[in-house]
Amino acid sequence: MTRSLFPAICALIFMPQGALAVEPASGPAFLDHSMRRLHSDEVLNLRQRYAGSPLLVVNTASHCGYTGQFKGLETLHRQYKDRGLKVVGFPSNDFRQEAAEEAEAAKVCFVNYGVSFDMFAPISVRGKDAHPVFRELARQSEAPRWNFHKYVIDSHGRVVATFPSQVEPDAPEVRAAIERAL
């Protein structure tokens, strides 16, 4: 052993139990992706954008009976953004209800419902072709069974609650899960 390592090893050996601090990770691995915004050339690094923040992640569709939930998601975004919550939408055609063109999906989100939270280009959210973000969410909890499946994720990247499509974004149980994640 070289002399330069000896002091460091001795310090570790004689350090009081529990005193060794581990540097926190810079966020969960499922954030190790860059994704393009909906109907845009802008690409966002998910780790830079979301690490350390509680999230409400939702798979969306433009032509679904639940599309009106964009209004409730936007309300949550506006009410909780100053407390650190990030609402994130991922359009998907896994259930064959997404617009064929991104321009149309963007119109539904941004014009029809006034969405100001992050929306990304369409991805797959189920099965073997699921994007890694949704593979990890499914591993921690469950895969979306339909559009507008909601995941509340704490600031450490752990899914703390999931809600199926029929649960409205402003339902008391969704708000309670968000409050716990904050």
C-alpha atoms as a PDB file:
ATOM      1  CA  MET A   1       0.000   0.000   0.000  1.00  0.00           C
ATOM      2  CA  THR A   2       1.317   3.417  -0.834  1.00  0.00           C
ATOM      3  CA  ARG A   3       1.865   5.924   1.961  1.00  0.00           C
ATOM      4  CA  SER A   4      -0.583   8.398   0.372  1.00  0.00           C
ATOM      5  CA  LEU A   5      -3.531   6.020   0.817  1.00  0.00           C
ATOM      6  CA  PHE A   6      -2.678   5.089   4.414  1.00  0.00           C
ATOM      7  CA  PRO A   7      -4.182   8.187   6.126  1.00  0.00           C
ATOM      8  CA  ALA A   8      -7.417   7.932   4.169  1.00  0.00           C
ATOM      9  CA  ILE A   9      -7.813   4.229   4.956  1.00  0.00           C
ATOM     10  CA  CYS A  10      -7.077   4.818   8.641  1.00  0.00           C
ATOM     11  CA  ALA A  11      -9.654   7.604   8.743  1.00  0.00           C
ATOM     12  CA  LEU A  12     -12.282   5.254   7.314  1.00  0.00           C
ATOM     13  CA  ILE A  13     -11.378   2.430   9.695  1.00  0.00           C
ATOM     14  CA  PHE A  14     -11.540   4.607  12.796  1.00  0.00           C
ATOM     15  CA  MET A  15     -14.513   6.734  11.740  1.00  0.00           C
ATOM     16  CA  PRO A  16     -17.487   6.488  14.126  1.00  0.00           C
ATOM     17  CA  GLN A  17     -20.219   4.156  12.908  1.00  0.00           C
ATOM     18  CA  GLY A  18     -22.827   5.970  10.812  1.00  0.00           C
ATOM     19  CA  ALA A  19     -20.523   8.923  10.169  1.00  0.00           C
ATOM     20  CA  LEU A  20     -19.704   7.915   6.597  1.00  0.00           C
ATOM     21  CA  ALA A  21     -21.849  10.044   4.337  1.00  0.00           C
ATOM     22  CA  VAL A  22     -22.589   8.928   0.820  1.00  0.00           C
ATOM     23  CA  GLU A  23     -23.000  11.600  -1.804  1.00  0.00           C
ATOM     24  CA  PRO A  24     -26.606  11.637  -2.970  1.00  0.00           C
ATOM     25  CA  ALA A  25     -27.158  10.512  -6.523  1.00  0.00           C
ATOM     26  CA  SER A  26     -28.070  13.249  -8.944  1.00  0.00           C
ATOM     27  CA  GLY A  27     -31.433  11.657  -9.522  1.00  0.00           C
ATOM     28  CA  PRO A  28     -32.935   8.403 -10.718  1.00  0.00           C
ATOM     29  CA  ALA A  29     -31.500   6.624 -13.758  1.00  0.00           C
ATOM     30  CA  PHE A  30     -34.756   6.921 -15.692  1.00  0.00           C
ATOM     31  CA  LEU A  31     -33.969  10.634 -16.062  1.00  0.00           C
ATOM     32  CA  ASP A  32     -30.844   9.842 -18.103  1.00  0.00           C
ATOM     33  CA  HIS A  33     -32.534  10.804 -21.368  1.00  0.00           C
ATOM     34  CA  SER A  34     -33.001  13.807 -23.585  1.00  0.00           C
ATOM     35  CA  MET A  35     -36.373  14.226 -25.207  1.00  0.00           C
ATOM     36  CA  ARG A  36     -37.859  16.525 -27.778  1.00  0.00           C
ATOM     37  CA  ARG A  37     -40.709  18.815 -26.778  1.00  0.00           C
ATOM     38  CA  LEU A  38     -44.043  18.287 -28.496  1.00  0.00           C
ATOM     39  CA  HIS A  39     -44.109  19.843 -31.990  1.00  0.00           C
ATOM     40  CA  SER A  40     -40.741  21.528 -31.455  1.00  0.00           C
ATOM     41  CA  ASP A  41     -37.063  21.101 -32.268  1.00  0.00           C
ATOM     42  CA  GLU A  42     -36.150  21.876 -28.652  1.00  0.00           C
ATOM     43  CA  VAL A  43     -34.649  18.928 -26.792  1.00  0.00           C
ATOM     44  CA  LEU A  44     -34.599  18.830 -22.982  1.00  0.00           C
ATOM     45  CA  ASN A  45     -32.315  16.785 -20.773  1.00  0.00           C
ATOM     46  CA  LEU A  46     -34.650  15.147 -18.258  1.00  0.00           C
ATOM     47  CA  ARG A  47     -31.995  14.965 -15.526  1.00  0.00           C
ATOM     48  CA  GLN A  48     -31.205  18.670 -15.777  1.00  0.00           C
ATOM     49  CA  ARG A  49     -34.871  19.560 -15.903  1.00  0.00           C
ATOM     50  CA  TYR A  50     -36.354  17.264 -13.240  1.00  0.00           C
ATOM     51  CA  ALA A  51     -33.734  15.762 -10.882  1.00  0.00           C
ATOM     52  CA  GLY A  52     -34.608  16.557  -7.282  1.00  0.00           C
ATOM     53  CA  SER A  53     -38.168  17.637  -8.109  1.00  0.00           C
ATOM     54  CA  PRO A  54     -41.405  15.887  -7.293  1.00  0.00           C
ATOM     55  CA  LEU A  55     -43.224  14.972 -10.503  1.00  0.00           C
ATOM     56  CA  LEU A  56     -46.693  14.241 -11.764  1.00  0.00           C
ATOM     57  CA  VAL A  57     -46.137  12.163 -14.918  1.00  0.00           C
ATOM     58  CA  VAL A  58     -49.060  11.427 -17.228  1.00  0.00           C
ATOM     59  CA  ASN A  59     -49.393   9.545 -20.511  1.00  0.00           C
ATOM     60  CA  THR A  60     -51.777  11.502 -22.699  1.00  0.00           C
ATOM     61  CA  ALA A  61     -53.750  11.286 -25.935  1.00  0.00           C
ATOM     62  CA  SER A  62     -55.451  13.955 -28.032  1.00  0.00           C
ATOM     63  CA  HIS A  63     -58.566  11.989 -29.030  1.00  0.00           C
ATOM     64  CA  CYS A  64     -59.551  10.230 -25.834  1.00  0.00           C
ATOM     65  CA  GLY A  65     -62.596  10.502 -23.629  1.00  0.00           C
ATOM     66  CA  TYR A  66     -60.225  11.660 -20.886  1.00  0.00           C
ATOM     67  CA  THR A  67     -58.567  14.428 -22.939  1.00  0.00           C
ATOM     68  CA  GLY A  68     -60.507  17.001 -20.885  1.00  0.00           C
ATOM     69  CA  GLN A  69     -58.192  16.110 -17.994  1.00  0.00           C
ATOM     70  CA  PHE A  70     -55.623  18.463 -19.542  1.00  0.00           C
ATOM     71  CA  LYS A  71     -57.596  21.239 -17.829  1.00  0.00           C
ATOM     72  CA  GLY A  72     -57.180  19.641 -14.388  1.00  0.00           C
ATOM     73  CA  LEU A  73     -53.507  18.874 -15.031  1.00  0.00           C
ATOM     74  CA  GLU A  74     -52.915  22.516 -15.959  1.00  0.00           C
ATOM     75  CA  THR A  75     -54.693  23.607 -12.774  1.00  0.00           C
ATOM     76  CA  LEU A  76     -52.414  21.357 -10.698  1.00  0.00           C
ATOM     77  CA  HIS A  77     -49.374  22.690 -12.552  1.00  0.00           C
ATOM     78  CA  ARG A  78     -50.316  26.297 -11.784  1.00  0.00           C
ATOM     79  CA  GLN A  79     -51.226  25.583  -8.149  1.00  0.00           C
ATOM     80  CA  TYR A  80     -48.125  23.554  -7.249  1.00  0.00           C
ATOM     81  CA  LYS A  81     -45.307  24.802  -9.519  1.00  0.00           C
ATOM     82  CA  ASP A  82     -44.100  27.356  -6.959  1.00  0.00           C
ATOM     83  CA  ARG A  83     -43.775  24.523  -4.427  1.00  0.00           C
ATOM     84  CA  GLY A  84     -41.587  22.538  -6.828  1.00  0.00           C
ATOM     85  CA  LEU A  85     -43.997  20.117  -8.534  1.00  0.00           C
ATOM     86  CA  LYS A  86     -43.318  19.492 -12.215  1.00  0.00           C
ATOM     87  CA  VAL A  87     -46.216  18.191 -14.297  1.00  0.00           C
ATOM     88  CA  VAL A  88     -44.967  16.266 -17.335  1.00  0.00           C
ATOM     89  CA  GLY A  89     -47.052  14.907 -20.216  1.00  0.00           C
ATOM     90  CA  PHE A  90     -46.041  12.144 -22.601  1.00  0.00           C
ATOM     91  CA  PRO A  91     -48.374  11.664 -25.570  1.00  0.00           C
ATOM     92  CA  SER A  92     -48.678   8.086 -26.714  1.00  0.00           C
ATOM     93  CA  ASN A  93     -50.552   6.233 -29.415  1.00  0.00           C
ATOM     94  CA  ASP A  94     -50.352   2.905 -27.569  1.00  0.00           C
ATOM     95  CA  PHE A  95     -54.123   2.987 -27.198  1.00  0.00           C
ATOM     96  CA  ARG A  96     -54.699   4.358 -30.717  1.00  0.00           C
ATOM     97  CA  GLN A  97     -56.132   7.699 -29.648  1.00  0.00           C
ATOM     98  CA  GLU A  98     -53.286  10.109 -30.340  1.00  0.00           C
ATOM     99  CA  ALA A  99     -53.411  12.566 -33.212  1.00  0.00           C
ATOM    100  CA  ALA A 100     -51.628  11.400 -36.354  1.00  0.00           C
ATOM    101  CA  GLU A 101     -49.709  14.681 -36.593  1.00  0.00           C
ATOM    102  CA  GLU A 102     -47.802  16.379 -33.782  1.00  0.00           C
ATOM    103  CA  ALA A 103     -49.166  19.755 -34.896  1.00  0.00           C
ATOM    104  CA  GLU A 104     -52.690  18.541 -34.152  1.00  0.00           C
ATOM    105  CA  ALA A 105     -51.648  17.102 -30.763  1.00  0.00           C
ATOM    106  CA  ALA A 106     -49.938  20.395 -29.922  1.00  0.00           C
ATOM    107  CA  LYS A 107     -53.087  22.336 -30.854  1.00  0.00           C
ATOM    108  CA  VAL A 108     -55.197  20.164 -28.564  1.00  0.00           C
ATOM    109  CA  CYS A 109     -52.766  20.684 -25.672  1.00  0.00           C
ATOM    110  CA  PHE A 110     -51.621  24.243 -26.063  1.00  0.00           C
ATOM    111  CA  VAL A 111     -54.534  25.959 -27.803  1.00  0.00           C
ATOM    112  CA  ASN A 112     -57.620  24.009 -26.725  1.00  0.00           C
ATOM    113  CA  TYR A 113     -56.532  23.449 -23.092  1.00  0.00           C
ATOM    114  CA  GLY A 114     -53.882  26.125 -22.495  1.00  0.00           C
ATOM    115  CA  VAL A 115     -51.279  23.623 -21.331  1.00  0.00           C
ATOM    116  CA  SER A 116     -48.115  25.344 -20.086  1.00  0.00           C
ATOM    117  CA  PHE A 117     -46.448  22.332 -18.436  1.00  0.00           C
ATOM    118  CA  ASP A 118     -43.892  20.254 -20.337  1.00  0.00           C
ATOM    119  CA  MET A 119     -45.266  18.054 -23.098  1.00  0.00           C
ATOM    120  CA  PHE A 120     -42.949  15.796 -25.085  1.00  0.00           C
ATOM    121  CA  ALA A 121     -43.060  14.203 -28.518  1.00  0.00           C
ATOM    122  CA  PRO A 122     -45.095  10.977 -28.641  1.00  0.00           C
ATOM    123  CA  ILE A 123     -43.520   7.818 -27.218  1.00  0.00           C
ATOM    124  CA  SER A 124     -44.595   4.284 -26.392  1.00  0.00           C
ATOM    125  CA  VAL A 125     -45.579   3.780 -22.746  1.00  0.00           C
ATOM    126  CA  ARG A 126     -46.348   0.031 -22.643  1.00  0.00           C
ATOM    127  CA  GLY A 127     -44.834  -3.270 -23.580  1.00  0.00           C
ATOM    128  CA  LYS A 128     -41.495  -4.087 -25.152  1.00  0.00           C
ATOM    129  CA  ASP A 129     -41.315  -0.747 -26.990  1.00  0.00           C
ATOM    130  CA  ALA A 130     -42.024   1.367 -23.890  1.00  0.00           C
ATOM    131  CA  HIS A 131     -39.689   4.301 -23.390  1.00  0.00           C
ATOM    132  CA  PRO A 132     -37.238   3.718 -20.482  1.00  0.00           C
ATOM    133  CA  VAL A 133     -39.047   6.327 -18.371  1.00  0.00           C
ATOM    134  CA  PHE A 134     -42.242   4.274 -18.522  1.00  0.00           C
ATOM    135  CA  ARG A 135     -40.426   0.962 -18.169  1.00  0.00           C
ATOM    136  CA  GLU A 136     -39.086   2.201 -14.834  1.00  0.00           C
ATOM    137  CA  LEU A 137     -42.435   3.599 -13.716  1.00  0.00           C
ATOM    138  CA  ALA A 138     -44.027   0.234 -14.548  1.00  0.00           C
ATOM    139  CA  ARG A 139     -41.252  -1.605 -12.682  1.00  0.00           C
ATOM    140  CA  GLN A 140     -41.894   0.504  -9.590  1.00  0.00           C
ATOM    141  CA  SER A 141     -45.680   0.337  -9.815  1.00  0.00           C
ATOM    142  CA  GLU A 142     -47.666  -0.601 -12.924  1.00  0.00           C
ATOM    143  CA  ALA A 143     -47.826   0.107 -16.641  1.00  0.00           C
ATOM    144  CA  PRO A 144     -50.542   2.464 -17.858  1.00  0.00           C
ATOM    145  CA  ARG A 145     -53.727   0.583 -18.660  1.00  0.00           C
ATOM    146  CA  TRP A 146     -55.105   3.496 -20.657  1.00  0.00           C
ATOM    147  CA  ASN A 147     -54.493   7.144 -21.471  1.00  0.00           C
ATOM    148  CA  PHE A 148     -54.171   9.672 -18.645  1.00  0.00           C
ATOM    149  CA  HIS A 149     -52.669   7.234 -16.155  1.00  0.00           C
ATOM    150  CA  LYS A 150     -51.031   9.383 -13.480  1.00  0.00           C
ATOM    151  CA  TYR A 151     -47.824   8.776 -11.492  1.00  0.00           C
ATOM    152  CA  VAL A 152     -46.849  10.866  -8.488  1.00  0.00           C
ATOM    153  CA  ILE A 153     -43.078  10.638  -8.035  1.00  0.00           C
ATOM    154  CA  ASP A 154     -41.133  12.008  -5.076  1.00  0.00           C
ATOM    155  CA  SER A 155     -37.963  14.085  -5.362  1.00  0.00           C
ATOM    156  CA  HIS A 156     -35.850  10.901  -5.140  1.00  0.00           C
ATOM    157  CA  GLY A 157     -37.494   9.324  -8.191  1.00  0.00           C
ATOM    158  CA  ARG A 158     -39.747   6.900  -6.316  1.00  0.00           C
ATOM    159  CA  VAL A 159     -43.315   6.348  -7.447  1.00  0.00           C
ATOM    160  CA  VAL A 160     -45.399   7.133  -4.377  1.00  0.00           C
ATOM    161  CA  ALA A 161     -48.863   6.847  -5.956  1.00  0.00           C
ATOM    162  CA  THR A 162     -50.548   5.931  -9.229  1.00  0.00           C
ATOM    163  CA  PHE A 163     -54.008   6.772 -10.432  1.00  0.00           C
ATOM    164  CA  PRO A 164     -55.928   5.252 -13.338  1.00  0.00           C
ATOM    165  CA  SER A 165     -57.551   7.278 -16.090  1.00  0.00           C
ATOM    166  CA  GLN A 166     -60.929   7.649 -14.430  1.00  0.00           C
ATOM    167  CA  VAL A 167     -59.424   9.460 -11.418  1.00  0.00           C
ATOM    168  CA  GLU A 168     -59.523  13.176 -12.211  1.00  0.00           C
ATOM    169  CA  PRO A 169     -56.310  15.160 -11.672  1.00  0.00           C
ATOM    170  CA  ASP A 170     -57.959  17.341  -9.018  1.00  0.00           C
ATOM    171  CA  ALA A 171     -59.364  14.394  -7.035  1.00  0.00           C
ATOM    172  CA  PRO A 172     -58.630  14.621  -3.295  1.00  0.00           C
ATOM    173  CA  GLU A 173     -56.493  11.462  -3.382  1.00  0.00           C
ATOM    174  CA  VAL A 174     -54.294  12.885  -6.160  1.00  0.00           C
ATOM    175  CA  ARG A 175     -53.846  16.151  -4.284  1.00  0.00           C
ATOM    176  CA  ALA A 176     -53.031  14.250  -1.069  1.00  0.00           C
ATOM    177  CA  ALA A 177     -50.354  12.223  -2.881  1.00  0.00           C
ATOM    178  CA  ILE A 178     -48.876  15.396  -4.345  1.00  0.00           C
ATOM    179  CA  GLU A 179     -48.803  17.012  -0.900  1.00  0.00           C
ATOM    180  CA  ARG A 180     -46.953  13.978   0.500  1.00  0.00           C
ATOM    181  CA  ALA A 181     -44.445  14.111  -2.384  1.00  0.00           C
ATOM    182  CA  LEU A 182     -43.759  17.806  -1.785  1.00  0.00           C
END
